[in-house]
């Protein structure tokens, strides 16, 4: 198996793991099927307390039958298929850039990457700054980062 195939399988496996975690969170009663009650419970836990029965039924009817993990994966994949990964990543960065300058401070980005969620190691941070060096003012061009993440190469000027 070549490196590309192995990386592809690892990404697919990680994606399924994340999807399974999401499925498990929604499947509140742990019976392997997402029901109307499961949806009501998970929505209530997110502060959506007044969801109508009709709305829940409409969500459940999006599937052709009971929503087990396989059906959930299919539905989830179809919903994400239309999303442009570059736009999704760019939108996440824009939240961190209220002035819409197209860049964020190196120190701020580094703090987020080393303290939140999937934390970067010192080596990963070093590699990031080697690949995306900040300008003299300490700003990082996140549009370029998004482009490279989604296209695998730097944008030609």
N, C-alpha and C. Protein backbone atom coordinates (compact mmCIF):
# COMPACT_ATOMS: atom_id res chain seq x y z
N UNK A 1 0.86 -1.18 0.00
CA UNK A 1 0.00 0.00 0.00
C UNK A 1 0.90 1.24 0.00
N UNK A 2 0.64 2.17 -0.92
CA UNK A 2 1.47 3.37 -0.99
C UNK A 2 1.04 4.37 0.09
N UNK A 3 1.87 5.37 0.28
CA UNK A 3 1.64 6.37 1.33
C UNK A 3 0.30 7.08 1.12
N UNK A 4 -0.01 7.41 -0.14
CA UNK A 4 -1.27 8.12 -0.44
C UNK A 4 -2.49 7.29 -0.03
N UNK A 5 -2.46 6.00 -0.35
CA UNK A 5 -3.58 5.13 0.01
C UNK A 5 -3.72 5.02 1.52
N UNK A 6 -2.58 4.89 2.21
CA UNK A 6 -2.60 4.78 3.67
C UNK A 6 -3.17 6.05 4.29
N UNK A 7 -2.71 7.24 3.80
CA UNK A 7 -3.21 8.51 4.33
C UNK A 7 -4.70 8.65 4.07
N UNK A 8 -5.15 8.23 2.88
CA UNK A 8 -6.57 8.30 2.55
C UNK A 8 -7.39 7.42 3.49
N UNK A 9 -6.91 6.21 3.74
CA UNK A 9 -7.61 5.30 4.65
C UNK A 9 -7.63 5.84 6.08
N UNK A 10 -6.51 6.47 6.51
CA UNK A 10 -6.46 7.05 7.85
C UNK A 10 -7.45 8.20 7.98
N UNK A 11 -7.55 9.06 6.95
CA UNK A 11 -8.51 10.16 6.97
C UNK A 11 -9.93 9.63 7.02
N UNK A 12 -10.20 8.60 6.20
CA UNK A 12 -11.53 8.00 6.18
C UNK A 12 -11.87 7.41 7.54
N UNK A 13 -10.92 6.72 8.15
CA UNK A 13 -11.13 6.13 9.47
C UNK A 13 -11.39 7.20 10.52
N UNK A 14 -10.61 8.28 10.48
CA UNK A 14 -10.79 9.37 11.44
C UNK A 14 -12.16 10.02 11.24
N UNK A 15 -12.56 10.19 9.97
CA UNK A 15 -13.87 10.77 9.68
C UNK A 15 -15.00 9.92 10.22
N UNK A 16 -14.87 8.61 10.08
CA UNK A 16 -15.89 7.71 10.63
C UNK A 16 -15.92 7.77 12.15
N UNK A 17 -14.75 7.89 12.74
CA UNK A 17 -14.68 7.98 14.20
C UNK A 17 -15.41 9.22 14.70
N UNK A 18 -15.17 10.35 14.04
CA UNK A 18 -15.85 11.59 14.42
C UNK A 18 -17.34 11.45 14.19
N UNK A 19 -17.73 10.86 13.06
CA UNK A 19 -19.14 10.65 12.77
C UNK A 19 -19.79 9.74 13.80
N UNK A 20 -19.06 8.69 14.21
CA UNK A 20 -19.61 7.78 15.22
C UNK A 20 -19.79 8.50 16.55
N UNK A 21 -18.85 9.37 16.89
CA UNK A 21 -18.99 10.15 18.13
C UNK A 21 -20.24 11.03 18.05
N UNK A 22 -20.45 11.67 16.90
CA UNK A 22 -21.64 12.51 16.72
C UNK A 22 -22.90 11.65 16.84
N UNK A 23 -22.90 10.48 16.19
CA UNK A 23 -24.04 9.58 16.25
C UNK A 23 -24.33 9.19 17.70
N UNK A 24 -23.29 8.85 18.45
CA UNK A 24 -23.45 8.43 19.84
C UNK A 24 -24.02 9.54 20.71
N UNK A 25 -23.62 10.77 20.44
CA UNK A 25 -24.16 11.91 21.20
C UNK A 25 -25.65 12.06 20.93
N UNK A 26 -26.05 11.90 19.67
CA UNK A 26 -27.46 12.06 19.31
C UNK A 26 -28.29 10.88 19.81
N UNK A 27 -27.75 9.68 19.73
CA UNK A 27 -28.46 8.47 20.16
C UNK A 27 -28.46 8.41 21.69
N UNK A 28 -29.29 9.25 22.29
CA UNK A 28 -29.30 9.44 23.74
C UNK A 28 -29.59 8.16 24.52
N UNK A 29 -30.48 7.30 24.02
CA UNK A 29 -30.83 6.09 24.77
C UNK A 29 -29.95 4.89 24.41
N UNK A 30 -28.97 5.10 23.53
CA UNK A 30 -27.96 4.10 23.16
C UNK A 30 -28.54 2.79 22.61
N UNK A 31 -29.63 2.92 21.84
CA UNK A 31 -30.20 1.71 21.26
C UNK A 31 -29.74 1.47 19.81
N UNK A 32 -28.87 2.33 19.30
CA UNK A 32 -28.35 2.16 17.95
C UNK A 32 -29.21 2.78 16.87
N UNK A 33 -30.29 3.44 17.26
CA UNK A 33 -31.21 4.09 16.32
C UNK A 33 -31.49 5.51 16.83
N UNK A 34 -31.43 6.48 15.92
CA UNK A 34 -31.78 7.85 16.31
C UNK A 34 -33.29 8.01 16.15
N UNK A 35 -33.95 8.26 17.27
CA UNK A 35 -35.41 8.40 17.28
C UNK A 35 -35.80 9.86 17.47
N UNK A 36 -37.10 10.10 17.39
CA UNK A 36 -37.63 11.45 17.63
C UNK A 36 -37.28 11.90 19.05
N UNK A 37 -37.39 11.00 20.02
CA UNK A 37 -37.05 11.34 21.40
C UNK A 37 -35.57 11.68 21.56
N UNK A 38 -34.71 10.93 20.84
CA UNK A 38 -33.27 11.24 20.88
C UNK A 38 -33.03 12.65 20.36
N UNK A 39 -33.66 12.99 19.25
CA UNK A 39 -33.50 14.34 18.69
C UNK A 39 -34.00 15.40 19.66
N UNK A 40 -35.17 15.15 20.26
CA UNK A 40 -35.72 16.11 21.22
C UNK A 40 -34.75 16.33 22.38
N UNK A 41 -34.19 15.23 22.91
CA UNK A 41 -33.26 15.32 24.04
C UNK A 41 -31.99 16.07 23.69
N UNK A 42 -31.41 15.76 22.53
CA UNK A 42 -30.15 16.43 22.17
C UNK A 42 -30.40 17.90 21.85
N UNK A 43 -31.53 18.22 21.22
CA UNK A 43 -31.85 19.62 20.94
C UNK A 43 -32.10 20.38 22.25
N UNK A 44 -32.77 19.73 23.19
CA UNK A 44 -33.01 20.37 24.50
C UNK A 44 -31.69 20.64 25.21
N UNK A 45 -30.74 19.71 25.09
CA UNK A 45 -29.45 19.92 25.74
C UNK A 45 -28.68 21.08 25.12
N UNK A 46 -29.06 21.46 23.89
CA UNK A 46 -28.43 22.61 23.23
C UNK A 46 -29.27 23.88 23.38
N UNK A 47 -30.32 23.80 24.22
CA UNK A 47 -31.12 24.99 24.50
C UNK A 47 -32.36 25.14 23.64
N UNK A 48 -32.60 24.21 22.73
CA UNK A 48 -33.79 24.25 21.87
C UNK A 48 -34.91 23.48 22.56
N UNK A 49 -35.65 24.18 23.43
CA UNK A 49 -36.62 23.49 24.28
C UNK A 49 -38.01 23.36 23.67
N UNK A 50 -38.36 24.22 22.74
CA UNK A 50 -39.73 24.23 22.21
C UNK A 50 -39.82 23.73 20.78
N UNK A 51 -39.13 22.64 20.47
CA UNK A 51 -39.18 22.07 19.13
C UNK A 51 -40.49 21.31 18.99
N UNK A 52 -41.23 21.62 17.92
CA UNK A 52 -42.53 20.99 17.71
C UNK A 52 -42.37 19.55 17.22
N UNK A 53 -43.36 18.73 17.56
CA UNK A 53 -43.38 17.33 17.14
C UNK A 53 -43.27 17.21 15.62
N UNK A 54 -43.96 18.11 14.90
CA UNK A 54 -43.95 18.07 13.44
C UNK A 54 -42.53 18.28 12.90
N UNK A 55 -41.78 19.19 13.54
CA UNK A 55 -40.40 19.44 13.11
C UNK A 55 -39.52 18.21 13.33
N UNK A 56 -39.71 17.56 14.47
CA UNK A 56 -38.94 16.35 14.76
C UNK A 56 -39.29 15.24 13.78
N UNK A 57 -40.58 15.09 13.50
CA UNK A 57 -41.01 14.07 12.55
C UNK A 57 -40.44 14.33 11.16
N UNK A 58 -40.40 15.60 10.75
CA UNK A 58 -39.83 15.95 9.44
C UNK A 58 -38.35 15.57 9.38
N UNK A 59 -37.64 15.79 10.48
CA UNK A 59 -36.21 15.42 10.52
C UNK A 59 -36.04 13.91 10.36
N UNK A 60 -36.86 13.16 11.10
CA UNK A 60 -36.77 11.70 11.05
C UNK A 60 -37.17 11.18 9.67
N UNK A 61 -38.15 11.82 9.03
CA UNK A 61 -38.63 11.36 7.72
C UNK A 61 -37.64 11.62 6.59
N UNK A 62 -36.57 12.39 6.87
CA UNK A 62 -35.54 12.59 5.84
C UNK A 62 -34.86 11.27 5.50
N UNK A 63 -34.91 10.32 6.42
CA UNK A 63 -34.33 8.99 6.17
C UNK A 63 -35.41 8.08 5.61
N UNK A 64 -34.99 7.07 4.86
CA UNK A 64 -35.95 6.14 4.26
C UNK A 64 -36.44 5.10 5.26
N UNK A 65 -35.81 5.01 6.41
CA UNK A 65 -36.19 4.05 7.44
C UNK A 65 -35.55 4.44 8.75
N UNK A 66 -35.40 3.48 9.66
CA UNK A 66 -34.76 3.79 10.94
C UNK A 66 -33.34 4.34 10.72
N UNK A 67 -32.96 5.32 11.53
CA UNK A 67 -31.65 5.97 11.36
C UNK A 67 -30.62 5.27 12.24
N UNK A 68 -29.99 4.24 11.65
CA UNK A 68 -28.88 3.60 12.34
C UNK A 68 -27.59 4.32 11.91
N UNK A 69 -26.44 3.82 12.33
CA UNK A 69 -25.19 4.53 12.04
C UNK A 69 -24.93 4.62 10.54
N UNK A 70 -25.20 3.56 9.79
CA UNK A 70 -24.96 3.57 8.35
C UNK A 70 -25.83 4.61 7.66
N UNK A 71 -27.09 4.66 8.02
CA UNK A 71 -28.00 5.66 7.43
C UNK A 71 -27.55 7.06 7.83
N UNK A 72 -27.16 7.22 9.09
CA UNK A 72 -26.66 8.51 9.57
C UNK A 72 -25.46 8.97 8.75
N UNK A 73 -24.50 8.05 8.51
CA UNK A 73 -23.32 8.39 7.71
C UNK A 73 -23.71 8.86 6.32
N UNK A 74 -24.64 8.15 5.71
CA UNK A 74 -25.09 8.51 4.37
C UNK A 74 -25.75 9.89 4.36
N UNK A 75 -26.65 10.13 5.31
CA UNK A 75 -27.34 11.42 5.38
C UNK A 75 -26.36 12.55 5.66
N UNK A 76 -25.45 12.31 6.59
CA UNK A 76 -24.46 13.31 6.98
C UNK A 76 -23.56 13.64 5.79
N UNK A 77 -23.14 12.60 5.09
CA UNK A 77 -22.28 12.80 3.92
C UNK A 77 -22.98 13.59 2.83
N UNK A 78 -24.26 13.31 2.60
CA UNK A 78 -25.01 14.04 1.58
C UNK A 78 -25.16 15.51 1.95
N UNK A 79 -25.36 15.80 3.22
CA UNK A 79 -25.49 17.19 3.67
C UNK A 79 -24.18 17.95 3.46
N UNK A 80 -23.05 17.27 3.71
CA UNK A 80 -21.76 17.94 3.61
C UNK A 80 -21.22 18.00 2.19
N UNK A 81 -21.78 17.17 1.30
CA UNK A 81 -21.26 17.09 -0.06
C UNK A 81 -21.24 18.44 -0.76
N UNK A 82 -22.25 19.27 -0.55
CA UNK A 82 -22.34 20.55 -1.23
C UNK A 82 -21.47 21.63 -0.62
N UNK A 83 -20.93 21.40 0.56
CA UNK A 83 -20.13 22.43 1.23
C UNK A 83 -18.73 22.47 0.65
N UNK A 84 -18.27 23.66 0.32
CA UNK A 84 -16.91 23.85 -0.18
C UNK A 84 -15.98 23.94 1.02
N UNK A 85 -15.07 22.98 1.17
CA UNK A 85 -14.19 22.99 2.34
C UNK A 85 -13.44 24.31 2.50
N UNK A 86 -13.02 24.93 1.40
CA UNK A 86 -12.29 26.19 1.51
C UNK A 86 -13.17 27.26 2.13
N UNK A 87 -14.44 27.33 1.71
CA UNK A 87 -15.37 28.31 2.28
C UNK A 87 -15.62 28.06 3.76
N UNK A 88 -15.73 26.79 4.13
CA UNK A 88 -15.98 26.43 5.52
C UNK A 88 -14.80 26.86 6.40
N UNK A 89 -13.59 26.55 5.96
CA UNK A 89 -12.40 26.91 6.73
C UNK A 89 -12.23 28.43 6.78
N UNK A 90 -12.46 29.07 5.63
CA UNK A 90 -12.34 30.54 5.56
C UNK A 90 -13.34 31.20 6.51
N UNK A 91 -14.55 30.68 6.57
CA UNK A 91 -15.57 31.23 7.48
C UNK A 91 -15.13 31.11 8.93
N UNK A 92 -14.50 30.00 9.27
CA UNK A 92 -14.01 29.82 10.64
C UNK A 92 -12.95 30.86 10.97
N UNK A 93 -12.04 31.09 10.04
CA UNK A 93 -11.01 32.12 10.27
C UNK A 93 -11.62 33.51 10.35
N UNK A 94 -12.64 33.78 9.54
CA UNK A 94 -13.24 35.12 9.52
C UNK A 94 -13.86 35.48 10.88
N UNK A 95 -14.31 34.48 11.61
CA UNK A 95 -14.84 34.72 12.95
C UNK A 95 -13.74 35.32 13.84
N UNK A 96 -12.50 34.94 13.59
CA UNK A 96 -11.36 35.43 14.38
C UNK A 96 -10.81 36.75 13.85
N UNK A 97 -11.43 37.27 12.78
CA UNK A 97 -10.94 38.48 12.12
C UNK A 97 -12.06 39.50 11.97
N UNK A 98 -12.50 40.12 13.08
CA UNK A 98 -13.63 41.04 13.02
C UNK A 98 -13.40 42.25 12.12
N UNK A 99 -12.14 42.62 11.88
CA UNK A 99 -11.86 43.76 10.99
C UNK A 99 -11.85 43.35 9.53
N UNK A 100 -12.00 42.07 9.24
CA UNK A 100 -11.99 41.53 7.87
C UNK A 100 -10.73 41.94 7.11
N UNK A 101 -9.59 41.84 7.78
CA UNK A 101 -8.32 42.23 7.17
C UNK A 101 -7.69 41.11 6.34
N UNK A 102 -8.15 39.88 6.54
CA UNK A 102 -7.57 38.75 5.83
C UNK A 102 -6.38 38.15 6.56
N UNK A 103 -6.09 38.69 7.74
CA UNK A 103 -4.98 38.16 8.52
C UNK A 103 -5.31 38.22 10.00
N UNK A 104 -4.59 37.40 10.77
CA UNK A 104 -4.73 37.43 12.23
C UNK A 104 -3.33 37.40 12.84
N UNK A 105 -3.24 37.85 14.06
CA UNK A 105 -1.95 37.91 14.75
C UNK A 105 -1.40 36.50 15.00
N UNK A 106 -0.12 36.35 14.76
CA UNK A 106 0.57 35.07 14.96
C UNK A 106 0.37 34.57 16.39
N UNK A 107 0.56 35.44 17.37
CA UNK A 107 0.47 35.03 18.78
C UNK A 107 -0.93 34.49 19.11
N UNK A 108 -1.95 35.17 18.58
CA UNK A 108 -3.33 34.77 18.83
C UNK A 108 -3.60 33.40 18.22
N UNK A 109 -3.21 33.22 16.95
CA UNK A 109 -3.42 31.95 16.27
C UNK A 109 -2.65 30.83 16.97
N UNK A 110 -1.42 31.11 17.35
CA UNK A 110 -0.61 30.09 18.02
C UNK A 110 -1.24 29.69 19.36
N UNK A 111 -1.76 30.65 20.09
CA UNK A 111 -2.41 30.32 21.36
C UNK A 111 -3.62 29.42 21.13
N UNK A 112 -4.43 29.75 20.14
CA UNK A 112 -5.60 28.92 19.84
C UNK A 112 -5.18 27.50 19.44
N UNK A 113 -4.17 27.41 18.59
CA UNK A 113 -3.75 26.10 18.08
C UNK A 113 -3.09 25.23 19.13
N UNK A 114 -2.56 25.83 20.17
CA UNK A 114 -1.88 25.04 21.21
C UNK A 114 -2.70 24.84 22.47
N UNK A 115 -3.86 25.49 22.56
CA UNK A 115 -4.66 25.36 23.79
C UNK A 115 -6.07 24.84 23.56
N UNK A 116 -6.54 24.78 22.33
CA UNK A 116 -7.92 24.39 22.05
C UNK A 116 -7.97 23.06 21.30
N UNK A 117 -9.03 22.31 21.51
CA UNK A 117 -9.36 21.07 20.77
C UNK A 117 -8.15 20.19 20.49
N UNK A 118 -7.90 19.93 19.19
CA UNK A 118 -6.79 19.08 18.75
C UNK A 118 -5.51 19.91 18.80
N UNK A 119 -4.87 19.96 19.93
CA UNK A 119 -3.75 20.88 20.16
C UNK A 119 -2.53 20.54 19.32
N UNK A 120 -1.94 21.59 18.73
CA UNK A 120 -0.70 21.44 17.97
C UNK A 120 0.46 21.20 18.93
N UNK A 121 1.39 20.37 18.50
CA UNK A 121 2.63 20.16 19.26
C UNK A 121 3.59 21.29 18.90
N UNK A 122 4.64 21.49 19.70
CA UNK A 122 5.65 22.51 19.34
C UNK A 122 6.23 22.28 17.94
N UNK A 123 6.43 21.03 17.58
CA UNK A 123 6.95 20.70 16.24
C UNK A 123 5.97 21.12 15.15
N UNK A 124 4.68 20.87 15.36
CA UNK A 124 3.67 21.27 14.37
C UNK A 124 3.60 22.78 14.24
N UNK A 125 3.73 23.49 15.35
CA UNK A 125 3.74 24.96 15.31
C UNK A 125 4.95 25.44 14.51
N UNK A 126 6.11 24.85 14.79
CA UNK A 126 7.34 25.22 14.08
C UNK A 126 7.15 25.01 12.57
N UNK A 127 6.58 23.88 12.19
CA UNK A 127 6.35 23.58 10.78
C UNK A 127 5.35 24.55 10.16
N UNK A 128 4.34 24.92 10.94
CA UNK A 128 3.35 25.87 10.42
C UNK A 128 3.99 27.21 10.11
N UNK A 129 4.80 27.72 11.03
CA UNK A 129 5.42 29.03 10.79
C UNK A 129 6.45 28.96 9.68
N UNK A 130 7.05 27.78 9.47
CA UNK A 130 7.97 27.62 8.34
C UNK A 130 7.20 27.67 7.02
N UNK A 131 6.02 27.07 7.02
CA UNK A 131 5.20 27.05 5.80
C UNK A 131 4.45 28.36 5.57
N UNK A 132 4.04 29.01 6.66
CA UNK A 132 3.25 30.24 6.57
C UNK A 132 3.85 31.31 7.48
N UNK A 133 5.00 31.85 7.10
CA UNK A 133 5.63 32.84 7.98
C UNK A 133 4.80 34.11 8.09
N UNK A 134 4.72 34.65 9.30
CA UNK A 134 3.99 35.92 9.47
C UNK A 134 4.77 37.06 8.82
N UNK A 135 4.05 38.15 8.52
CA UNK A 135 4.73 39.32 7.96
C UNK A 135 5.49 40.05 9.07
N UNK A 136 6.13 41.17 8.73
CA UNK A 136 6.97 41.88 9.71
C UNK A 136 6.17 42.41 10.89
N UNK A 137 4.86 42.61 10.71
CA UNK A 137 4.01 43.10 11.79
C UNK A 137 3.47 41.95 12.65
N UNK A 138 3.82 40.70 12.29
CA UNK A 138 3.35 39.55 13.08
C UNK A 138 1.98 39.05 12.67
N UNK A 139 1.53 39.39 11.45
CA UNK A 139 0.23 38.95 10.95
C UNK A 139 0.38 37.73 10.05
N UNK A 140 -0.60 36.83 10.13
CA UNK A 140 -0.61 35.62 9.32
C UNK A 140 -1.76 35.72 8.32
N UNK A 141 -1.46 35.47 7.05
CA UNK A 141 -2.46 35.51 5.97
C UNK A 141 -3.26 34.21 5.98
N UNK A 142 -4.44 34.24 6.61
CA UNK A 142 -5.21 33.00 6.73
C UNK A 142 -5.85 32.58 5.41
N UNK A 143 -6.04 33.50 4.48
CA UNK A 143 -6.61 33.11 3.18
C UNK A 143 -5.65 32.17 2.46
N UNK A 144 -4.35 32.44 2.56
CA UNK A 144 -3.35 31.57 1.96
C UNK A 144 -3.34 30.20 2.65
N UNK A 145 -3.46 30.20 3.97
CA UNK A 145 -3.51 28.94 4.72
C UNK A 145 -4.69 28.10 4.24
N UNK A 146 -5.86 28.72 4.11
CA UNK A 146 -7.07 28.01 3.65
C UNK A 146 -6.86 27.43 2.26
N UNK A 147 -6.27 28.22 1.39
CA UNK A 147 -6.04 27.76 0.02
C UNK A 147 -5.12 26.53 0.01
N UNK A 148 -4.03 26.61 0.75
CA UNK A 148 -3.08 25.49 0.78
C UNK A 148 -3.71 24.25 1.40
N UNK A 149 -4.48 24.43 2.47
CA UNK A 149 -5.15 23.29 3.12
C UNK A 149 -6.07 22.58 2.13
N UNK A 150 -6.81 23.33 1.34
CA UNK A 150 -7.81 22.72 0.45
C UNK A 150 -7.28 22.36 -0.93
N UNK A 151 -6.19 23.00 -1.37
CA UNK A 151 -5.67 22.73 -2.71
C UNK A 151 -4.30 22.06 -2.71
N UNK A 152 -3.61 22.11 -1.57
CA UNK A 152 -2.33 21.45 -1.47
C UNK A 152 -1.15 22.21 -2.05
N UNK A 153 -1.35 23.44 -2.44
CA UNK A 153 -0.25 24.24 -2.99
C UNK A 153 -0.55 25.71 -2.81
N UNK A 154 0.48 26.53 -2.88
CA UNK A 154 0.28 27.97 -2.72
C UNK A 154 -0.36 28.55 -3.97
N UNK A 155 -1.19 29.56 -3.74
CA UNK A 155 -1.86 30.27 -4.82
C UNK A 155 -0.82 31.10 -5.57
N UNK A 156 -0.90 31.07 -6.90
CA UNK A 156 0.01 31.90 -7.67
C UNK A 156 -0.49 33.33 -7.66
N UNK A 157 0.41 34.27 -7.42
CA UNK A 157 0.03 35.69 -7.33
C UNK A 157 -0.30 36.25 -8.69
